[in-house]
PDB file of N, CA and C in Angstrom:
ATOM      1  N   GLU A   1       0.767  -1.185  -0.037  1.00  0.00           N
ATOM      2  CA  GLU A   1      -0.036  -0.051  -0.020  1.00  0.00           C
ATOM      3  C   GLU A   1       0.880   1.337   0.115  1.00  0.00           C
ATOM      4  N   SER A   2       0.357   2.356   0.360  1.00  0.00           N
ATOM      5  CA  SER A   2       1.027   3.609   0.397  1.00  0.00           C
ATOM      6  C   SER A   2       2.040   3.738   1.493  1.00  0.00           C
ATOM      7  N   GLY A   3       2.112   2.857   2.408  1.00  0.00           N
ATOM      8  CA  GLY A   3       2.978   2.933   3.523  1.00  0.00           C
ATOM      9  C   GLY A   3       2.495   3.909   4.625  1.00  0.00           C
ATOM     10  N   GLU A   4       1.396   4.529   4.436  1.00  0.00           N
ATOM     11  CA  GLU A   4       0.843   5.484   5.406  1.00  0.00           C
ATOM     12  C   GLU A   4       0.036   4.595   6.387  1.00  0.00           C
ATOM     13  N   GLU A   5       0.274   5.085   7.803  1.00  0.00           N
ATOM     14  CA  GLU A   5      -0.436   4.393   8.805  1.00  0.00           C
ATOM     15  C   GLU A   5      -1.860   4.714   8.801  1.00  0.00           C
ATOM     16  N   GLU A   6      -2.760   3.801   9.092  1.00  0.00           N
ATOM     17  CA  GLU A   6      -4.097   3.952   9.237  1.00  0.00           C
ATOM     18  C   GLU A   6      -4.525   4.173  10.652  1.00  0.00           C
ATOM     19  N   LEU A   7      -5.477   5.222  10.842  1.00  0.00           N
ATOM     20  CA  LEU A   7      -5.935   5.505  12.124  1.00  0.00           C
ATOM     21  C   LEU A   7      -7.243   4.692  12.487  1.00  0.00           C
ATOM     22  N   TRP A   8      -7.222   3.974  13.569  1.00  0.00           N
ATOM     23  CA  TRP A   8      -8.347   3.053  13.895  1.00  0.00           C
ATOM     24  C   TRP A   8      -8.516   3.005  15.329  1.00  0.00           C
ATOM     25  N   LEU A   9      -9.705   2.457  15.823  1.00  0.00           N
ATOM     26  CA  LEU A   9      -9.904   2.278  17.247  1.00  0.00           C
ATOM     27  C   LEU A   9     -10.851   0.979  17.351  1.00  0.00           C
ATOM     28  N   ASP A  10     -10.768   0.424  18.562  1.00  0.00           N
ATOM     29  CA  ASP A  10     -11.423  -0.753  18.745  1.00  0.00           C
ATOM     30  C   ASP A  10     -12.469  -0.511  19.926  1.00  0.00           C
ATOM     31  N   PHE A  11     -13.771  -0.518  19.631  1.00  0.00           N
ATOM     32  CA  PHE A  11     -14.773  -0.223  20.631  1.00  0.00           C
ATOM     33  C   PHE A  11     -15.871  -1.386  20.642  1.00  0.00           C
ATOM     34  N   GLN A  12     -16.014  -1.918  21.791  1.00  0.00           N
ATOM     35  CA  GLN A  12     -16.948  -3.017  21.904  1.00  0.00           C
ATOM     36  C   GLN A  12     -16.796  -4.086  20.933  1.00  0.00           C
ATOM     37  N   GLN A  13     -15.494  -4.527  20.900  1.00  0.00           N
ATOM     38  CA  GLN A  13     -15.057  -5.669  19.924  1.00  0.00           C
ATOM     39  C   GLN A  13     -15.427  -5.382  18.525  1.00  0.00           C
ATOM     40  N   THR A  14     -15.516  -4.095  18.126  1.00  0.00           N
ATOM     41  CA  THR A  14     -15.721  -3.714  16.745  1.00  0.00           C
ATOM     42  C   THR A  14     -14.575  -2.708  16.255  1.00  0.00           C
ATOM     43  N   LYS A  15     -13.865  -2.941  15.211  1.00  0.00           N
ATOM     44  CA  LYS A  15     -12.872  -2.090  14.728  1.00  0.00           C
ATOM     45  C   LYS A  15     -13.436  -0.975  13.898  1.00  0.00           C
ATOM     46  N   TYR A  16     -13.048   0.259  14.167  1.00  0.00           N
ATOM     47  CA  TYR A  16     -13.494   1.422  13.373  1.00  0.00           C
ATOM     48  C   TYR A  16     -12.300   2.089  12.778  1.00  0.00           C
ATOM     49  N   ILE A  17     -12.422   2.495  11.565  1.00  0.00           N
ATOM     50  CA  ILE A  17     -11.370   3.150  10.864  1.00  0.00           C
ATOM     51  C   ILE A  17     -11.751   4.618  10.686  1.00  0.00           C
ATOM     52  N   CYS A  18     -10.745   5.409  10.624  1.00  0.00           N
ATOM     53  CA  CYS A  18     -10.901   6.831  10.397  1.00  0.00           C
ATOM     54  C   CYS A  18     -11.039   7.037   8.934  1.00  0.00           C
ATOM     55  N   VAL A  19     -12.091   7.810   8.484  1.00  0.00           N
ATOM     56  CA  VAL A  19     -12.383   8.000   6.947  1.00  0.00           C
ATOM     57  C   VAL A  19     -11.897   9.351   6.454  1.00  0.00           C
ATOM     58  N   ASP A  20     -12.059  10.408   7.294  1.00  0.00           N
ATOM     59  CA  ASP A  20     -11.664  11.654   6.777  1.00  0.00           C
ATOM     60  C   ASP A  20     -10.922  12.439   7.787  1.00  0.00           C
ATOM     61  N   GLY A  21     -10.257  11.917   8.689  1.00  0.00           N
ATOM     62  CA  GLY A  21      -9.514  12.692   9.702  1.00  0.00           C
ATOM     63  C   GLY A  21     -10.356  12.982  11.025  1.00  0.00           C
ATOM     64  N   ARG A  22     -11.648  12.820  10.865  1.00  0.00           N
ATOM     65  CA  ARG A  22     -12.535  13.191  12.012  1.00  0.00           C
ATOM     66  C   ARG A  22     -13.551  12.113  12.380  1.00  0.00           C
ATOM     67  N   ASN A  23     -13.999  11.377  11.312  1.00  0.00           N
ATOM     68  CA  ASN A  23     -15.161  10.485  11.462  1.00  0.00           C
ATOM     69  C   ASN A  23     -14.697   9.078  11.317  1.00  0.00           C
ATOM     70  N   PHE A  24     -15.283   8.215  12.177  1.00  0.00           N
ATOM     71  CA  PHE A  24     -14.867   6.741  12.153  1.00  0.00           C
ATOM     72  C   PHE A  24     -16.090   5.984  11.709  1.00  0.00           C
ATOM     73  N   LYS A  25     -15.778   4.899  10.964  1.00  0.00           N
ATOM     74  CA  LYS A  25     -16.851   3.923  10.455  1.00  0.00           C
ATOM     75  C   LYS A  25     -16.300   2.541  10.720  1.00  0.00           C
ATOM     76  N   PRO A  26     -17.224   1.619  10.987  1.00  0.00           N
ATOM     77  CA  PRO A  26     -16.842   0.276  11.188  1.00  0.00           C
ATOM     78  C   PRO A  26     -16.253  -0.306   9.868  1.00  0.00           C
ATOM     79  N   ILE A  27     -15.185  -1.139  10.041  1.00  0.00           N
ATOM     80  CA  ILE A  27     -14.693  -1.711   8.868  1.00  0.00           C
ATOM     81  C   ILE A  27     -15.655  -2.637   8.062  1.00  0.00           C
ATOM     82  N   SER A  28     -15.441  -2.700   6.781  1.00  0.00           N
ATOM     83  CA  SER A  28     -16.429  -3.517   6.044  1.00  0.00           C
ATOM     84  C   SER A  28     -15.784  -4.914   5.739  1.00  0.00           C
ATOM     85  N   PHE A  29     -16.619  -5.899   5.603  1.00  0.00           N
ATOM     86  CA  PHE A  29     -16.078  -7.215   5.441  1.00  0.00           C
ATOM     87  C   PHE A  29     -16.654  -7.664   3.984  1.00  0.00           C
ATOM     88  N   PRO A  30     -15.959  -8.561   3.220  1.00  0.00           N
ATOM     89  CA  PRO A  30     -16.417  -8.898   1.935  1.00  0.00           C
ATOM     90  C   PRO A  30     -17.589  -9.994   2.046  1.00  0.00           C
ATOM     91  N   VAL A  31     -18.760  -9.466   2.417  1.00  0.00           N
ATOM     92  CA  VAL A  31     -19.929 -10.408   2.495  1.00  0.00           C
ATOM     93  C   VAL A  31     -20.896 -10.330   1.395  1.00  0.00           C
ATOM     94  N   ASN A  32     -20.666  -9.489   0.391  1.00  0.00           N
ATOM     95  CA  ASN A  32     -21.563  -9.436  -0.729  1.00  0.00           C
ATOM     96  C   ASN A  32     -21.190 -10.041  -2.046  1.00  0.00           C
ATOM     97  N   LEU A  33     -20.188 -10.873  -1.962  1.00  0.00           N
ATOM     98  CA  LEU A  33     -19.787 -11.557  -3.054  1.00  0.00           C
ATOM     99  C   LEU A  33     -20.882 -12.592  -3.497  1.00  0.00           C
ATOM    100  N   LYS A  34     -20.644 -13.184  -4.705  1.00  0.00           N
ATOM    101  CA  LYS A  34     -21.504 -14.192  -5.209  1.00  0.00           C
ATOM    102  C   LYS A  34     -21.109 -15.469  -4.422  1.00  0.00           C
ATOM    103  N   ILE A  35     -22.020 -16.427  -4.315  1.00  0.00           N
ATOM    104  CA  ILE A  35     -21.844 -17.713  -3.576  1.00  0.00           C
ATOM    105  C   ILE A  35     -20.671 -18.382  -4.266  1.00  0.00           C
ATOM    106  N   GLU A  36     -20.563 -18.386  -5.591  1.00  0.00           N
ATOM    107  CA  GLU A  36     -19.507 -19.102  -6.291  1.00  0.00           C
ATOM    108  C   GLU A  36     -18.159 -18.542  -5.921  1.00  0.00           C
ATOM    109  N   ASP A  37     -18.095 -17.349  -5.521  1.00  0.00           N
ATOM    110  CA  ASP A  37     -16.731 -16.765  -5.065  1.00  0.00           C
ATOM    111  C   ASP A  37     -16.355 -17.452  -3.804  1.00  0.00           C
ATOM    112  N   TYR A  38     -17.189 -17.660  -2.915  1.00  0.00           N
ATOM    113  CA  TYR A  38     -16.951 -18.258  -1.651  1.00  0.00           C
ATOM    114  C   TYR A  38     -16.654 -19.847  -1.853  1.00  0.00           C
ATOM    115  N   THR A  39     -17.528 -20.547  -2.531  1.00  0.00           N
ATOM    116  CA  THR A  39     -17.339 -21.942  -2.703  1.00  0.00           C
ATOM    117  C   THR A  39     -16.122 -22.346  -3.533  1.00  0.00           C
ATOM    118  N   LYS A  40     -15.686 -21.421  -4.472  1.00  0.00           N
ATOM    119  CA  LYS A  40     -14.470 -21.802  -5.263  1.00  0.00           C
ATOM    120  C   LYS A  40     -13.264 -21.203  -4.685  1.00  0.00           C
ATOM    121  N   SER A  41     -13.272 -20.589  -3.495  1.00  0.00           N
ATOM    122  CA  SER A  41     -12.091 -20.050  -2.825  1.00  0.00           C
ATOM    123  C   SER A  41     -11.058 -21.143  -2.546  1.00  0.00           C
ATOM    124  N   LYS A  42      -9.815 -20.960  -2.778  1.00  0.00           N
ATOM    125  CA  LYS A  42      -8.775 -21.889  -2.403  1.00  0.00           C
ATOM    126  C   LYS A  42      -8.050 -21.509  -1.114  1.00  0.00           C
ATOM    127  N   GLY A  43      -8.574 -20.464  -0.458  1.00  0.00           N
ATOM    128  CA  GLY A  43      -7.889 -20.015   0.775  1.00  0.00           C
ATOM    129  C   GLY A  43      -6.981 -18.794   0.519  1.00  0.00           C
ATOM    130  N   LEU A  44      -6.256 -18.469   1.564  1.00  0.00           N
ATOM    131  CA  LEU A  44      -5.357 -17.263   1.430  1.00  0.00           C
ATOM    132  C   LEU A  44      -3.912 -17.623   1.410  1.00  0.00           C
ATOM    133  N   SER A  45      -3.059 -16.870   0.647  1.00  0.00           N
ATOM    134  CA  SER A  45      -1.654 -17.101   0.703  1.00  0.00           C
ATOM    135  C   SER A  45      -1.086 -16.616   2.093  1.00  0.00           C
ATOM    136  N   THR A  46       0.109 -16.645   2.305  1.00  0.00           N
ATOM    137  CA  THR A  46       0.699 -16.238   3.526  1.00  0.00           C
ATOM    138  C   THR A  46       0.718 -14.724   3.519  1.00  0.00           C
ATOM    139  N   ASP A  47       1.031 -14.084   2.490  1.00  0.00           N
ATOM    140  CA  ASP A  47       0.859 -12.646   2.350  1.00  0.00           C
ATOM    141  C   ASP A  47      -0.499 -12.148   2.551  1.00  0.00           C
ATOM    142  N   ASP A  48      -1.437 -12.867   1.901  1.00  0.00           N
ATOM    143  CA  ASP A  48      -2.944 -12.466   2.061  1.00  0.00           C
ATOM    144  C   ASP A  48      -3.387 -12.581   3.595  1.00  0.00           C
ATOM    145  N   VAL A  49      -2.872 -13.600   4.198  1.00  0.00           N
ATOM    146  CA  VAL A  49      -3.217 -13.811   5.650  1.00  0.00           C
ATOM    147  C   VAL A  49      -2.662 -12.601   6.440  1.00  0.00           C
ATOM    148  N   LYS A  50      -1.413 -12.135   6.226  1.00  0.00           N
ATOM    149  CA  LYS A  50      -0.791 -11.100   6.918  1.00  0.00           C
ATOM    150  C   LYS A  50      -1.603  -9.716   6.513  1.00  0.00           C
ATOM    151  N   GLU A  51      -2.002  -9.591   5.375  1.00  0.00           N
ATOM    152  CA  GLU A  51      -2.759  -8.305   5.087  1.00  0.00           C
ATOM    153  C   GLU A  51      -4.225  -8.424   5.759  1.00  0.00           C
ATOM    154  N   ALA A  52      -4.767  -9.534   5.688  1.00  0.00           N
ATOM    155  CA  ALA A  52      -6.178  -9.689   6.324  1.00  0.00           C
ATOM    156  C   ALA A  52      -6.009  -9.452   7.879  1.00  0.00           C
ATOM    157  N   ASP A  53      -5.049  -9.972   8.486  1.00  0.00           N
ATOM    158  CA  ASP A  53      -4.776  -9.778   9.829  1.00  0.00           C
ATOM    159  C   ASP A  53      -4.544  -8.399  10.289  1.00  0.00           C
ATOM    160  N   LYS A  54      -3.798  -7.734   9.339  1.00  0.00           N
ATOM    161  CA  LYS A  54      -3.560  -6.301   9.510  1.00  0.00           C
ATOM    162  C   LYS A  54      -4.814  -5.432   9.374  1.00  0.00           C
ATOM    163  N   LYS A  55      -5.678  -5.879   8.469  1.00  0.00           N
ATOM    164  CA  LYS A  55      -6.855  -5.023   8.174  1.00  0.00           C
ATOM    165  C   LYS A  55      -8.032  -5.331   9.143  1.00  0.00           C
ATOM    166  N   TRP A  56      -8.280  -6.623   9.346  1.00  0.00           N
ATOM    167  CA  TRP A  56      -9.487  -7.000  10.229  1.00  0.00           C
ATOM    168  C   TRP A  56      -9.018  -7.341  11.691  1.00  0.00           C
ATOM    169  N   GLY A  57      -7.773  -7.707  11.886  1.00  0.00           N
ATOM    170  CA  GLY A  57      -7.404  -8.084  13.185  1.00  0.00           C
ATOM    171  C   GLY A  57      -7.455  -9.647  13.313  1.00  0.00           C
ATOM    172  N   PRO A  58      -7.067 -10.133  14.384  1.00  0.00           N
ATOM    173  CA  PRO A  58      -7.073 -11.597  14.606  1.00  0.00           C
ATOM    174  C   PRO A  58      -8.482 -12.164  14.729  1.00  0.00           C
ATOM    175  N   ASN A  59      -8.682 -13.367  14.350  1.00  0.00           N
ATOM    176  CA  ASN A  59     -10.003 -13.967  14.322  1.00  0.00           C
ATOM    177  C   ASN A  59     -10.131 -14.652  15.786  1.00  0.00           C
ATOM    178  N   VAL A  60     -10.361 -13.844  16.793  1.00  0.00           N
ATOM    179  CA  VAL A  60     -10.549 -14.248  18.148  1.00  0.00           C
ATOM    180  C   VAL A  60     -11.716 -13.596  18.774  1.00  0.00           C
ATOM    181  N   MET A  61     -12.339 -14.179  19.809  1.00  0.00           N
ATOM    182  CA  MET A  61     -13.416 -13.570  20.573  1.00  0.00           C
ATOM    183  C   MET A  61     -12.878 -13.690  21.978  1.00  0.00           C
ATOM    184  N   ARG A  62     -12.904 -12.552  22.605  1.00  0.00           N
ATOM    185  CA  ARG A  62     -12.643 -12.540  24.039  1.00  0.00           C
ATOM    186  C   ARG A  62     -13.873 -12.562  24.891  1.00  0.00           C
ATOM    187  N   VAL A  63     -14.003 -13.376  25.743  1.00  0.00           N
ATOM    188  CA  VAL A  63     -15.173 -13.509  26.645  1.00  0.00           C
ATOM    189  C   VAL A  63     -14.694 -13.118  28.105  1.00  0.00           C
ATOM    190  N   ILE A  64     -15.089 -12.092  28.613  1.00  0.00           N
ATOM    191  CA  ILE A  64     -14.688 -11.639  29.913  1.00  0.00           C
ATOM    192  C   ILE A  64     -15.722 -12.084  30.866  1.00  0.00           C
ATOM    193  N   LEU A  65     -15.198 -12.981  31.821  1.00  0.00           N
ATOM    194  CA  LEU A  65     -16.032 -13.567  32.784  1.00  0.00           C
ATOM    195  C   LEU A  65     -16.069 -12.699  34.072  1.00  0.00           C
ATOM    196  N   PRO A  66     -17.269 -12.513  34.558  1.00  0.00           N
ATOM    197  CA  PRO A  66     -17.468 -11.602  35.662  1.00  0.00           C
ATOM    198  C   PRO A  66     -16.871 -12.388  36.956  1.00  0.00           C
ATOM    199  N   THR A  67     -16.478 -11.587  37.963  1.00  0.00           N
ATOM    200  CA  THR A  67     -15.919 -12.208  39.149  1.00  0.00           C
ATOM    201  C   THR A  67     -17.198 -12.656  40.003  1.00  0.00           C
ATOM    202  N   PHE A  68     -16.838 -13.408  41.070  1.00  0.00           N
ATOM    203  CA  PHE A  68     -17.814 -13.837  41.977  1.00  0.00           C
ATOM    204  C   PHE A  68     -18.518 -12.636  42.761  1.00  0.00           C
ATOM    205  N   GLN A  69     -17.798 -11.752  43.076  1.00  0.00           N
ATOM    206  CA  GLN A  69     -18.276 -10.546  43.816  1.00  0.00           C
ATOM    207  C   GLN A  69     -19.155  -9.730  42.839  1.00  0.00           C
ATOM    208  N   GLU A  70     -18.925  -9.585  41.603  1.00  0.00           N
ATOM    209  CA  GLU A  70     -19.829  -8.870  40.697  1.00  0.00           C
ATOM    210  C   GLU A  70     -21.214  -9.599  40.552  1.00  0.00           C
ATOM    211  N   LEU A  71     -21.089 -10.903  40.347  1.00  0.00           N
ATOM    212  CA  LEU A  71     -22.275 -11.720  40.205  1.00  0.00           C
ATOM    213  C   LEU A  71     -23.073 -11.778  41.536  1.00  0.00           C
ATOM    214  N   PHE A  72     -22.426 -11.766  42.633  1.00  0.00           N
ATOM    215  CA  PHE A  72     -23.144 -11.923  43.951  1.00  0.00           C
ATOM    216  C   PHE A  72     -23.787 -10.574  44.202  1.00  0.00           C
ATOM    217  N   VAL A  73     -23.146  -9.411  43.882  1.00  0.00           N
ATOM    218  CA  VAL A  73     -23.813  -8.110  44.042  1.00  0.00           C
ATOM    219  C   VAL A  73     -25.069  -7.999  43.149  1.00  0.00           C
ATOM    220  N   GLU A  74     -24.949  -8.450  41.866  1.00  0.00           N
ATOM    221  CA  GLU A  74     -26.038  -8.546  40.966  1.00  0.00           C
ATOM    222  C   GLU A  74     -27.278  -9.213  41.450  1.00  0.00           C
ATOM    223  N   ARG A  75     -26.945 -10.397  42.085  1.00  0.00           N
ATOM    224  CA  ARG A  75     -28.066 -11.113  42.596  1.00  0.00           C
ATOM    225  C   ARG A  75     -28.569 -10.662  43.931  1.00  0.00           C
ATOM    226  N   ALA A  76     -27.685  -9.971  44.742  1.00  0.00           N
ATOM    227  CA  ALA A  76     -28.081  -9.411  46.005  1.00  0.00           C
ATOM    228  C   ALA A  76     -28.962  -8.121  45.916  1.00  0.00           C
ATOM    229  N   THR A  77     -28.857  -7.533  44.753  1.00  0.00           N
ATOM    230  CA  THR A  77     -29.685  -6.322  44.500  1.00  0.00           C
ATOM    231  C   THR A  77     -30.907  -6.702  43.626  1.00  0.00           C
ATOM    232  N   ALA A  78     -31.234  -7.901  43.475  1.00  0.00           N
ATOM    233  CA  ALA A  78     -32.504  -8.378  42.807  1.00  0.00           C
ATOM    234  C   ALA A  78     -33.650  -7.991  43.695  1.00  0.00           C
ATOM    235  N   PRO A  79     -34.846  -7.595  43.094  1.00  0.00           N
ATOM    236  CA  PRO A  79     -35.856  -7.249  43.970  1.00  0.00           C
ATOM    237  C   PRO A  79     -36.368  -8.296  44.985  1.00  0.00           C
ATOM    238  N   PHE A  80     -36.419  -9.566  44.595  1.00  0.00           N
ATOM    239  CA  PHE A  80     -36.851 -10.464  45.521  1.00  0.00           C
ATOM    240  C   PHE A  80     -35.901 -10.719  46.711  1.00  0.00           C
ATOM    241  N   PHE A  81     -34.601 -10.667  46.484  1.00  0.00           N
ATOM    242  CA  PHE A  81     -33.657 -10.835  47.552  1.00  0.00           C
ATOM    243  C   PHE A  81     -33.684  -9.684  48.482  1.00  0.00           C
ATOM    244  N   VAL A  82     -33.927  -8.454  47.883  1.00  0.00           N
ATOM    245  CA  VAL A  82     -34.079  -7.216  48.723  1.00  0.00           C
ATOM    246  C   VAL A  82     -35.255  -7.382  49.546  1.00  0.00           C
ATOM    247  N   PHE A  83     -36.397  -7.842  49.065  1.00  0.00           N
ATOM    248  CA  PHE A  83     -37.671  -8.059  49.823  1.00  0.00           C
ATOM    249  C   PHE A  83     -37.355  -9.031  50.877  1.00  0.00           C
ATOM    250  N   GLN A  84     -36.660 -10.066  50.619  1.00  0.00           N
ATOM    251  CA  GLN A  84     -36.284 -11.155  51.728  1.00  0.00           C
ATOM    252  C   GLN A  84     -35.527 -10.477  52.836  1.00  0.00           C
ATOM    253  N   VAL A  85     -34.552  -9.623  52.457  1.00  0.00           N
ATOM    254  CA  VAL A  85     -33.696  -8.994  53.445  1.00  0.00           C
ATOM    255  C   VAL A  85     -34.617  -8.119  54.360  1.00  0.00           C
ATOM    256  N   PHE A  86     -35.578  -7.320  53.666  1.00  0.00           N
ATOM    257  CA  PHE A  86     -36.378  -6.470  54.328  1.00  0.00           C
ATOM    258  C   PHE A  86     -37.312  -7.178  55.355  1.00  0.00           C
ATOM    259  N   CYS A  87     -37.733  -8.342  54.955  1.00  0.00           N
ATOM    260  CA  CYS A  87     -38.558  -9.215  55.768  1.00  0.00           C
ATOM    261  C   CYS A  87     -37.621  -9.698  57.092  1.00  0.00           C
ATOM    262  N   VAL A  88     -36.409 -10.058  56.792  1.00  0.00           N
ATOM    263  CA  VAL A  88     -35.554 -10.392  57.914  1.00  0.00           C
ATOM    264  C   VAL A  88     -35.311  -9.170  58.896  1.00  0.00           C
ATOM    265  N   ALA A  89     -35.251  -8.046  58.251  1.00  0.00           N
ATOM    266  CA  ALA A  89     -35.024  -6.849  59.188  1.00  0.00           C
ATOM    267  C   ALA A  89     -36.338  -6.691  59.963  1.00  0.00           C
ATOM    268  N   LEU A  90     -37.468  -6.842  59.509  1.00  0.00           N
ATOM    269  CA  LEU A  90     -38.705  -6.676  60.160  1.00  0.00           C
ATOM    270  C   LEU A  90     -38.744  -7.796  61.290  1.00  0.00           C
ATOM    271  N   TRP A  91     -38.315  -8.984  61.040  1.00  0.00           N
ATOM    272  CA  TRP A  91     -38.350 -10.071  61.970  1.00  0.00           C
ATOM    273  C   TRP A  91     -37.439  -9.824  63.135  1.00  0.00           C
ATOM    274  N   CYS A  92     -36.335  -9.081  62.779  1.00  0.00           N
ATOM    275  CA  CYS A  92     -35.355  -8.686  63.895  1.00  0.00           C
ATOM    276  C   CYS A  92     -35.960  -7.678  64.888  1.00  0.00           C
ATOM    277  N   LEU A  93     -36.944  -6.923  64.387  1.00  0.00           N
ATOM    278  CA  LEU A  93     -37.585  -6.011  65.278  1.00  0.00           C
ATOM    279  C   LEU A  93     -38.514  -6.689  66.293  1.00  0.00           C
ATOM    280  N   ASP A  94     -38.940  -7.889  65.868  1.00  0.00           N
ATOM    281  CA  ASP A  94     -39.816  -8.590  66.775  1.00  0.00           C
ATOM    282  C   ASP A  94     -38.955  -9.663  67.583  1.00  0.00           C
ATOM    283  N   GLU A  95     -39.436 -10.571  68.186  1.00  0.00           N
ATOM    284  CA  GLU A  95     -38.774 -11.481  69.054  1.00  0.00           C
ATOM    285  C   GLU A  95     -38.166 -12.540  68.245  1.00  0.00           C
ATOM    286  N   TYR A  96     -38.097 -12.583  66.968  1.00  0.00           N
ATOM    287  CA  TYR A  96     -37.570 -13.555  66.120  1.00  0.00           C
ATOM    288  C   TYR A  96     -36.200 -13.358  65.611  1.00  0.00           C
ATOM    289  N   TRP A  97     -35.427 -12.597  66.365  1.00  0.00           N
ATOM    290  CA  TRP A  97     -34.084 -12.173  65.799  1.00  0.00           C
ATOM    291  C   TRP A  97     -33.202 -13.297  65.466  1.00  0.00           C
ATOM    292  N   TYR A  98     -33.189 -14.376  66.384  1.00  0.00           N
ATOM    293  CA  TYR A  98     -32.354 -15.552  66.091  1.00  0.00           C
ATOM    294  C   TYR A  98     -32.763 -16.257  64.826  1.00  0.00           C
ATOM    295  N   TYR A  99     -34.092 -16.380  64.613  1.00  0.00           N
ATOM    296  CA  TYR A  99     -34.557 -17.026  63.495  1.00  0.00           C
ATOM    297  C   TYR A  99     -34.242 -16.149  62.184  1.00  0.00           C
ATOM    298  N   SER A 100     -34.392 -14.932  62.304  1.00  0.00           N
ATOM    299  CA  SER A 100     -34.215 -14.132  61.206  1.00  0.00           C
ATOM    300  C   SER A 100     -32.769 -14.046  60.788  1.00  0.00           C
ATOM    301  N   LEU A 101     -31.861 -14.048  61.740  1.00  0.00           N
ATOM    302  CA  LEU A 101     -30.365 -14.041  61.379  1.00  0.00           C
ATOM    303  C   LEU A 101     -29.966 -15.297  60.719  1.00  0.00           C
ATOM    304  N   PHE A 102     -30.531 -16.517  61.198  1.00  0.00           N
ATOM    305  CA  PHE A 102     -30.361 -17.733  60.554  1.00  0.00           C
ATOM    306  C   PHE A 102     -30.836 -17.699  59.220  1.00  0.00           C
ATOM    307  N   THR A 103     -31.977 -17.198  58.992  1.00  0.00           N
ATOM    308  CA  THR A 103     -32.589 -17.072  57.627  1.00  0.00           C
ATOM    309  C   THR A 103     -31.746 -16.240  56.698  1.00  0.00           C
ATOM    310  N   LEU A 104     -31.184 -15.106  57.199  1.00  0.00           N
ATOM    311  CA  LEU A 104     -30.360 -14.275  56.526  1.00  0.00           C
ATOM    312  C   LEU A 104     -29.044 -15.015  56.083  1.00  0.00           C
ATOM    313  N   GLY A 105     -28.494 -15.782  56.995  1.00  0.00           N
ATOM    314  CA  GLY A 105     -27.309 -16.552  56.575  1.00  0.00           C
ATOM    315  C   GLY A 105     -27.644 -17.475  55.575  1.00  0.00           C
ATOM    316  N   MET A 106     -28.748 -18.237  55.744  1.00  0.00           N
ATOM    317  CA  MET A 106     -29.130 -19.236  54.737  1.00  0.00           C
ATOM    318  C   MET A 106     -29.396 -18.625  53.409  1.00  0.00           C
ATOM    319  N   LEU A 107     -29.989 -17.404  53.347  1.00  0.00           N
ATOM    320  CA  LEU A 107     -30.191 -16.649  52.100  1.00  0.00           C
ATOM    321  C   LEU A 107     -28.878 -16.360  51.346  1.00  0.00           C
ATOM    322  N   ALA A 108     -27.916 -15.906  52.180  1.00  0.00           N
ATOM    323  CA  ALA A 108     -26.623 -15.509  51.648  1.00  0.00           C
ATOM    324  C   ALA A 108     -25.911 -16.812  51.128  1.00  0.00           C
ATOM    325  N   MET A 109     -26.012 -17.904  51.779  1.00  0.00           N
ATOM    326  CA  MET A 109     -25.305 -19.039  51.403  1.00  0.00           C
ATOM    327  C   MET A 109     -26.042 -19.638  50.092  1.00  0.00           C
ATOM    328  N   PHE A 110     -27.332 -19.591  50.050  1.00  0.00           N
ATOM    329  CA  PHE A 110     -27.981 -20.020  48.818  1.00  0.00           C
ATOM    330  C   PHE A 110     -27.631 -19.172  47.591  1.00  0.00           C
ATOM    331  N   GLU A 111     -27.588 -17.847  47.766  1.00  0.00           N
ATOM    332  CA  GLU A 111     -27.222 -16.952  46.676  1.00  0.00           C
ATOM    333  C   GLU A 111     -25.737 -17.243  46.304  1.00  0.00           C
ATOM    334  N   ALA A 112     -24.884 -17.470  47.300  1.00  0.00           N
ATOM    335  CA  ALA A 112     -23.501 -17.792  46.965  1.00  0.00           C
ATOM    336  C   ALA A 112     -23.356 -19.150  46.101  1.00  0.00           C
ATOM    337  N   THR A 113     -24.206 -20.133  46.521  1.00  0.00           N
ATOM    338  CA  THR A 113     -24.194 -21.332  45.800  1.00  0.00           C
ATOM    339  C   THR A 113     -24.767 -21.182  44.366  1.00  0.00           C
ATOM    340  N   VAL A 114     -25.709 -20.395  44.205  1.00  0.00           N
ATOM    341  CA  VAL A 114     -26.240 -20.143  42.863  1.00  0.00           C
ATOM    342  C   VAL A 114     -25.160 -19.465  42.058  1.00  0.00           C
ATOM    343  N   VAL A 115     -24.540 -18.533  42.505  1.00  0.00           N
ATOM    344  CA  VAL A 115     -23.422 -17.688  41.891  1.00  0.00           C
ATOM    345  C   VAL A 115     -22.321 -18.754  41.472  1.00  0.00           C
ATOM    346  N   LYS A 116     -21.943 -19.504  42.465  1.00  0.00           N
ATOM    347  CA  LYS A 116     -20.806 -20.522  42.059  1.00  0.00           C
ATOM    348  C   LYS A 116     -21.283 -21.361  40.929  1.00  0.00           C
ATOM    349  N   GLN A 117     -22.465 -21.866  40.946  1.00  0.00           N
ATOM    350  CA  GLN A 117     -23.030 -22.710  39.902  1.00  0.00           C
ATOM    351  C   GLN A 117     -23.063 -21.989  38.575  1.00  0.00           C
ATOM    352  N   GLN A 118     -23.470 -20.688  38.712  1.00  0.00           N
ATOM    353  CA  GLN A 118     -23.423 -19.840  37.400  1.00  0.00           C
ATOM    354  C   GLN A 118     -22.002 -19.718  36.937  1.00  0.00           C
ATOM    355  N   MET A 119     -21.027 -19.647  37.753  1.00  0.00           N
ATOM    356  CA  MET A 119     -19.757 -19.481  37.222  1.00  0.00           C
ATOM    357  C   MET A 119     -19.119 -20.689  36.587  1.00  0.00           C
ATOM    358  N   LYS A 120     -19.617 -21.909  37.028  1.00  0.00           N
ATOM    359  CA  LYS A 120     -19.233 -23.128  36.401  1.00  0.00           C
ATOM    360  C   LYS A 120     -19.750 -23.349  35.046  1.00  0.00           C
ATOM    361  N   SER A 121     -20.922 -22.800  34.718  1.00  0.00           N
ATOM    362  CA  SER A 121     -21.629 -23.064  33.500  1.00  0.00           C
ATOM    363  C   SER A 121     -21.550 -21.869  32.614  1.00  0.00           C
TER     364      SER A 121
END
């Protein structure tokens, strides 16, 4: 090519190229060819692979797994869990404080178990 560096950015796993010095557009892929062009393709040469890698980037997908704490906070702020904690707080105001604290511990352990299971799958 011209040897000039191309300005680009990567946002939400999509590569955008600078078109006029100010505006960015997502890169285009060759998806509008005839079906025969795809079926008769013999693959890419080594130089073509290097060019394609330079233009489109590596063919990888990064999956960012949330941490235990992030998942637990998400579940602990769910409306039903908040309602259960509110009920535990009301029971603490009555004579059922030992039962309510036990229930709160069981709720926390249940949610932790659900989060652990979610992380496995």
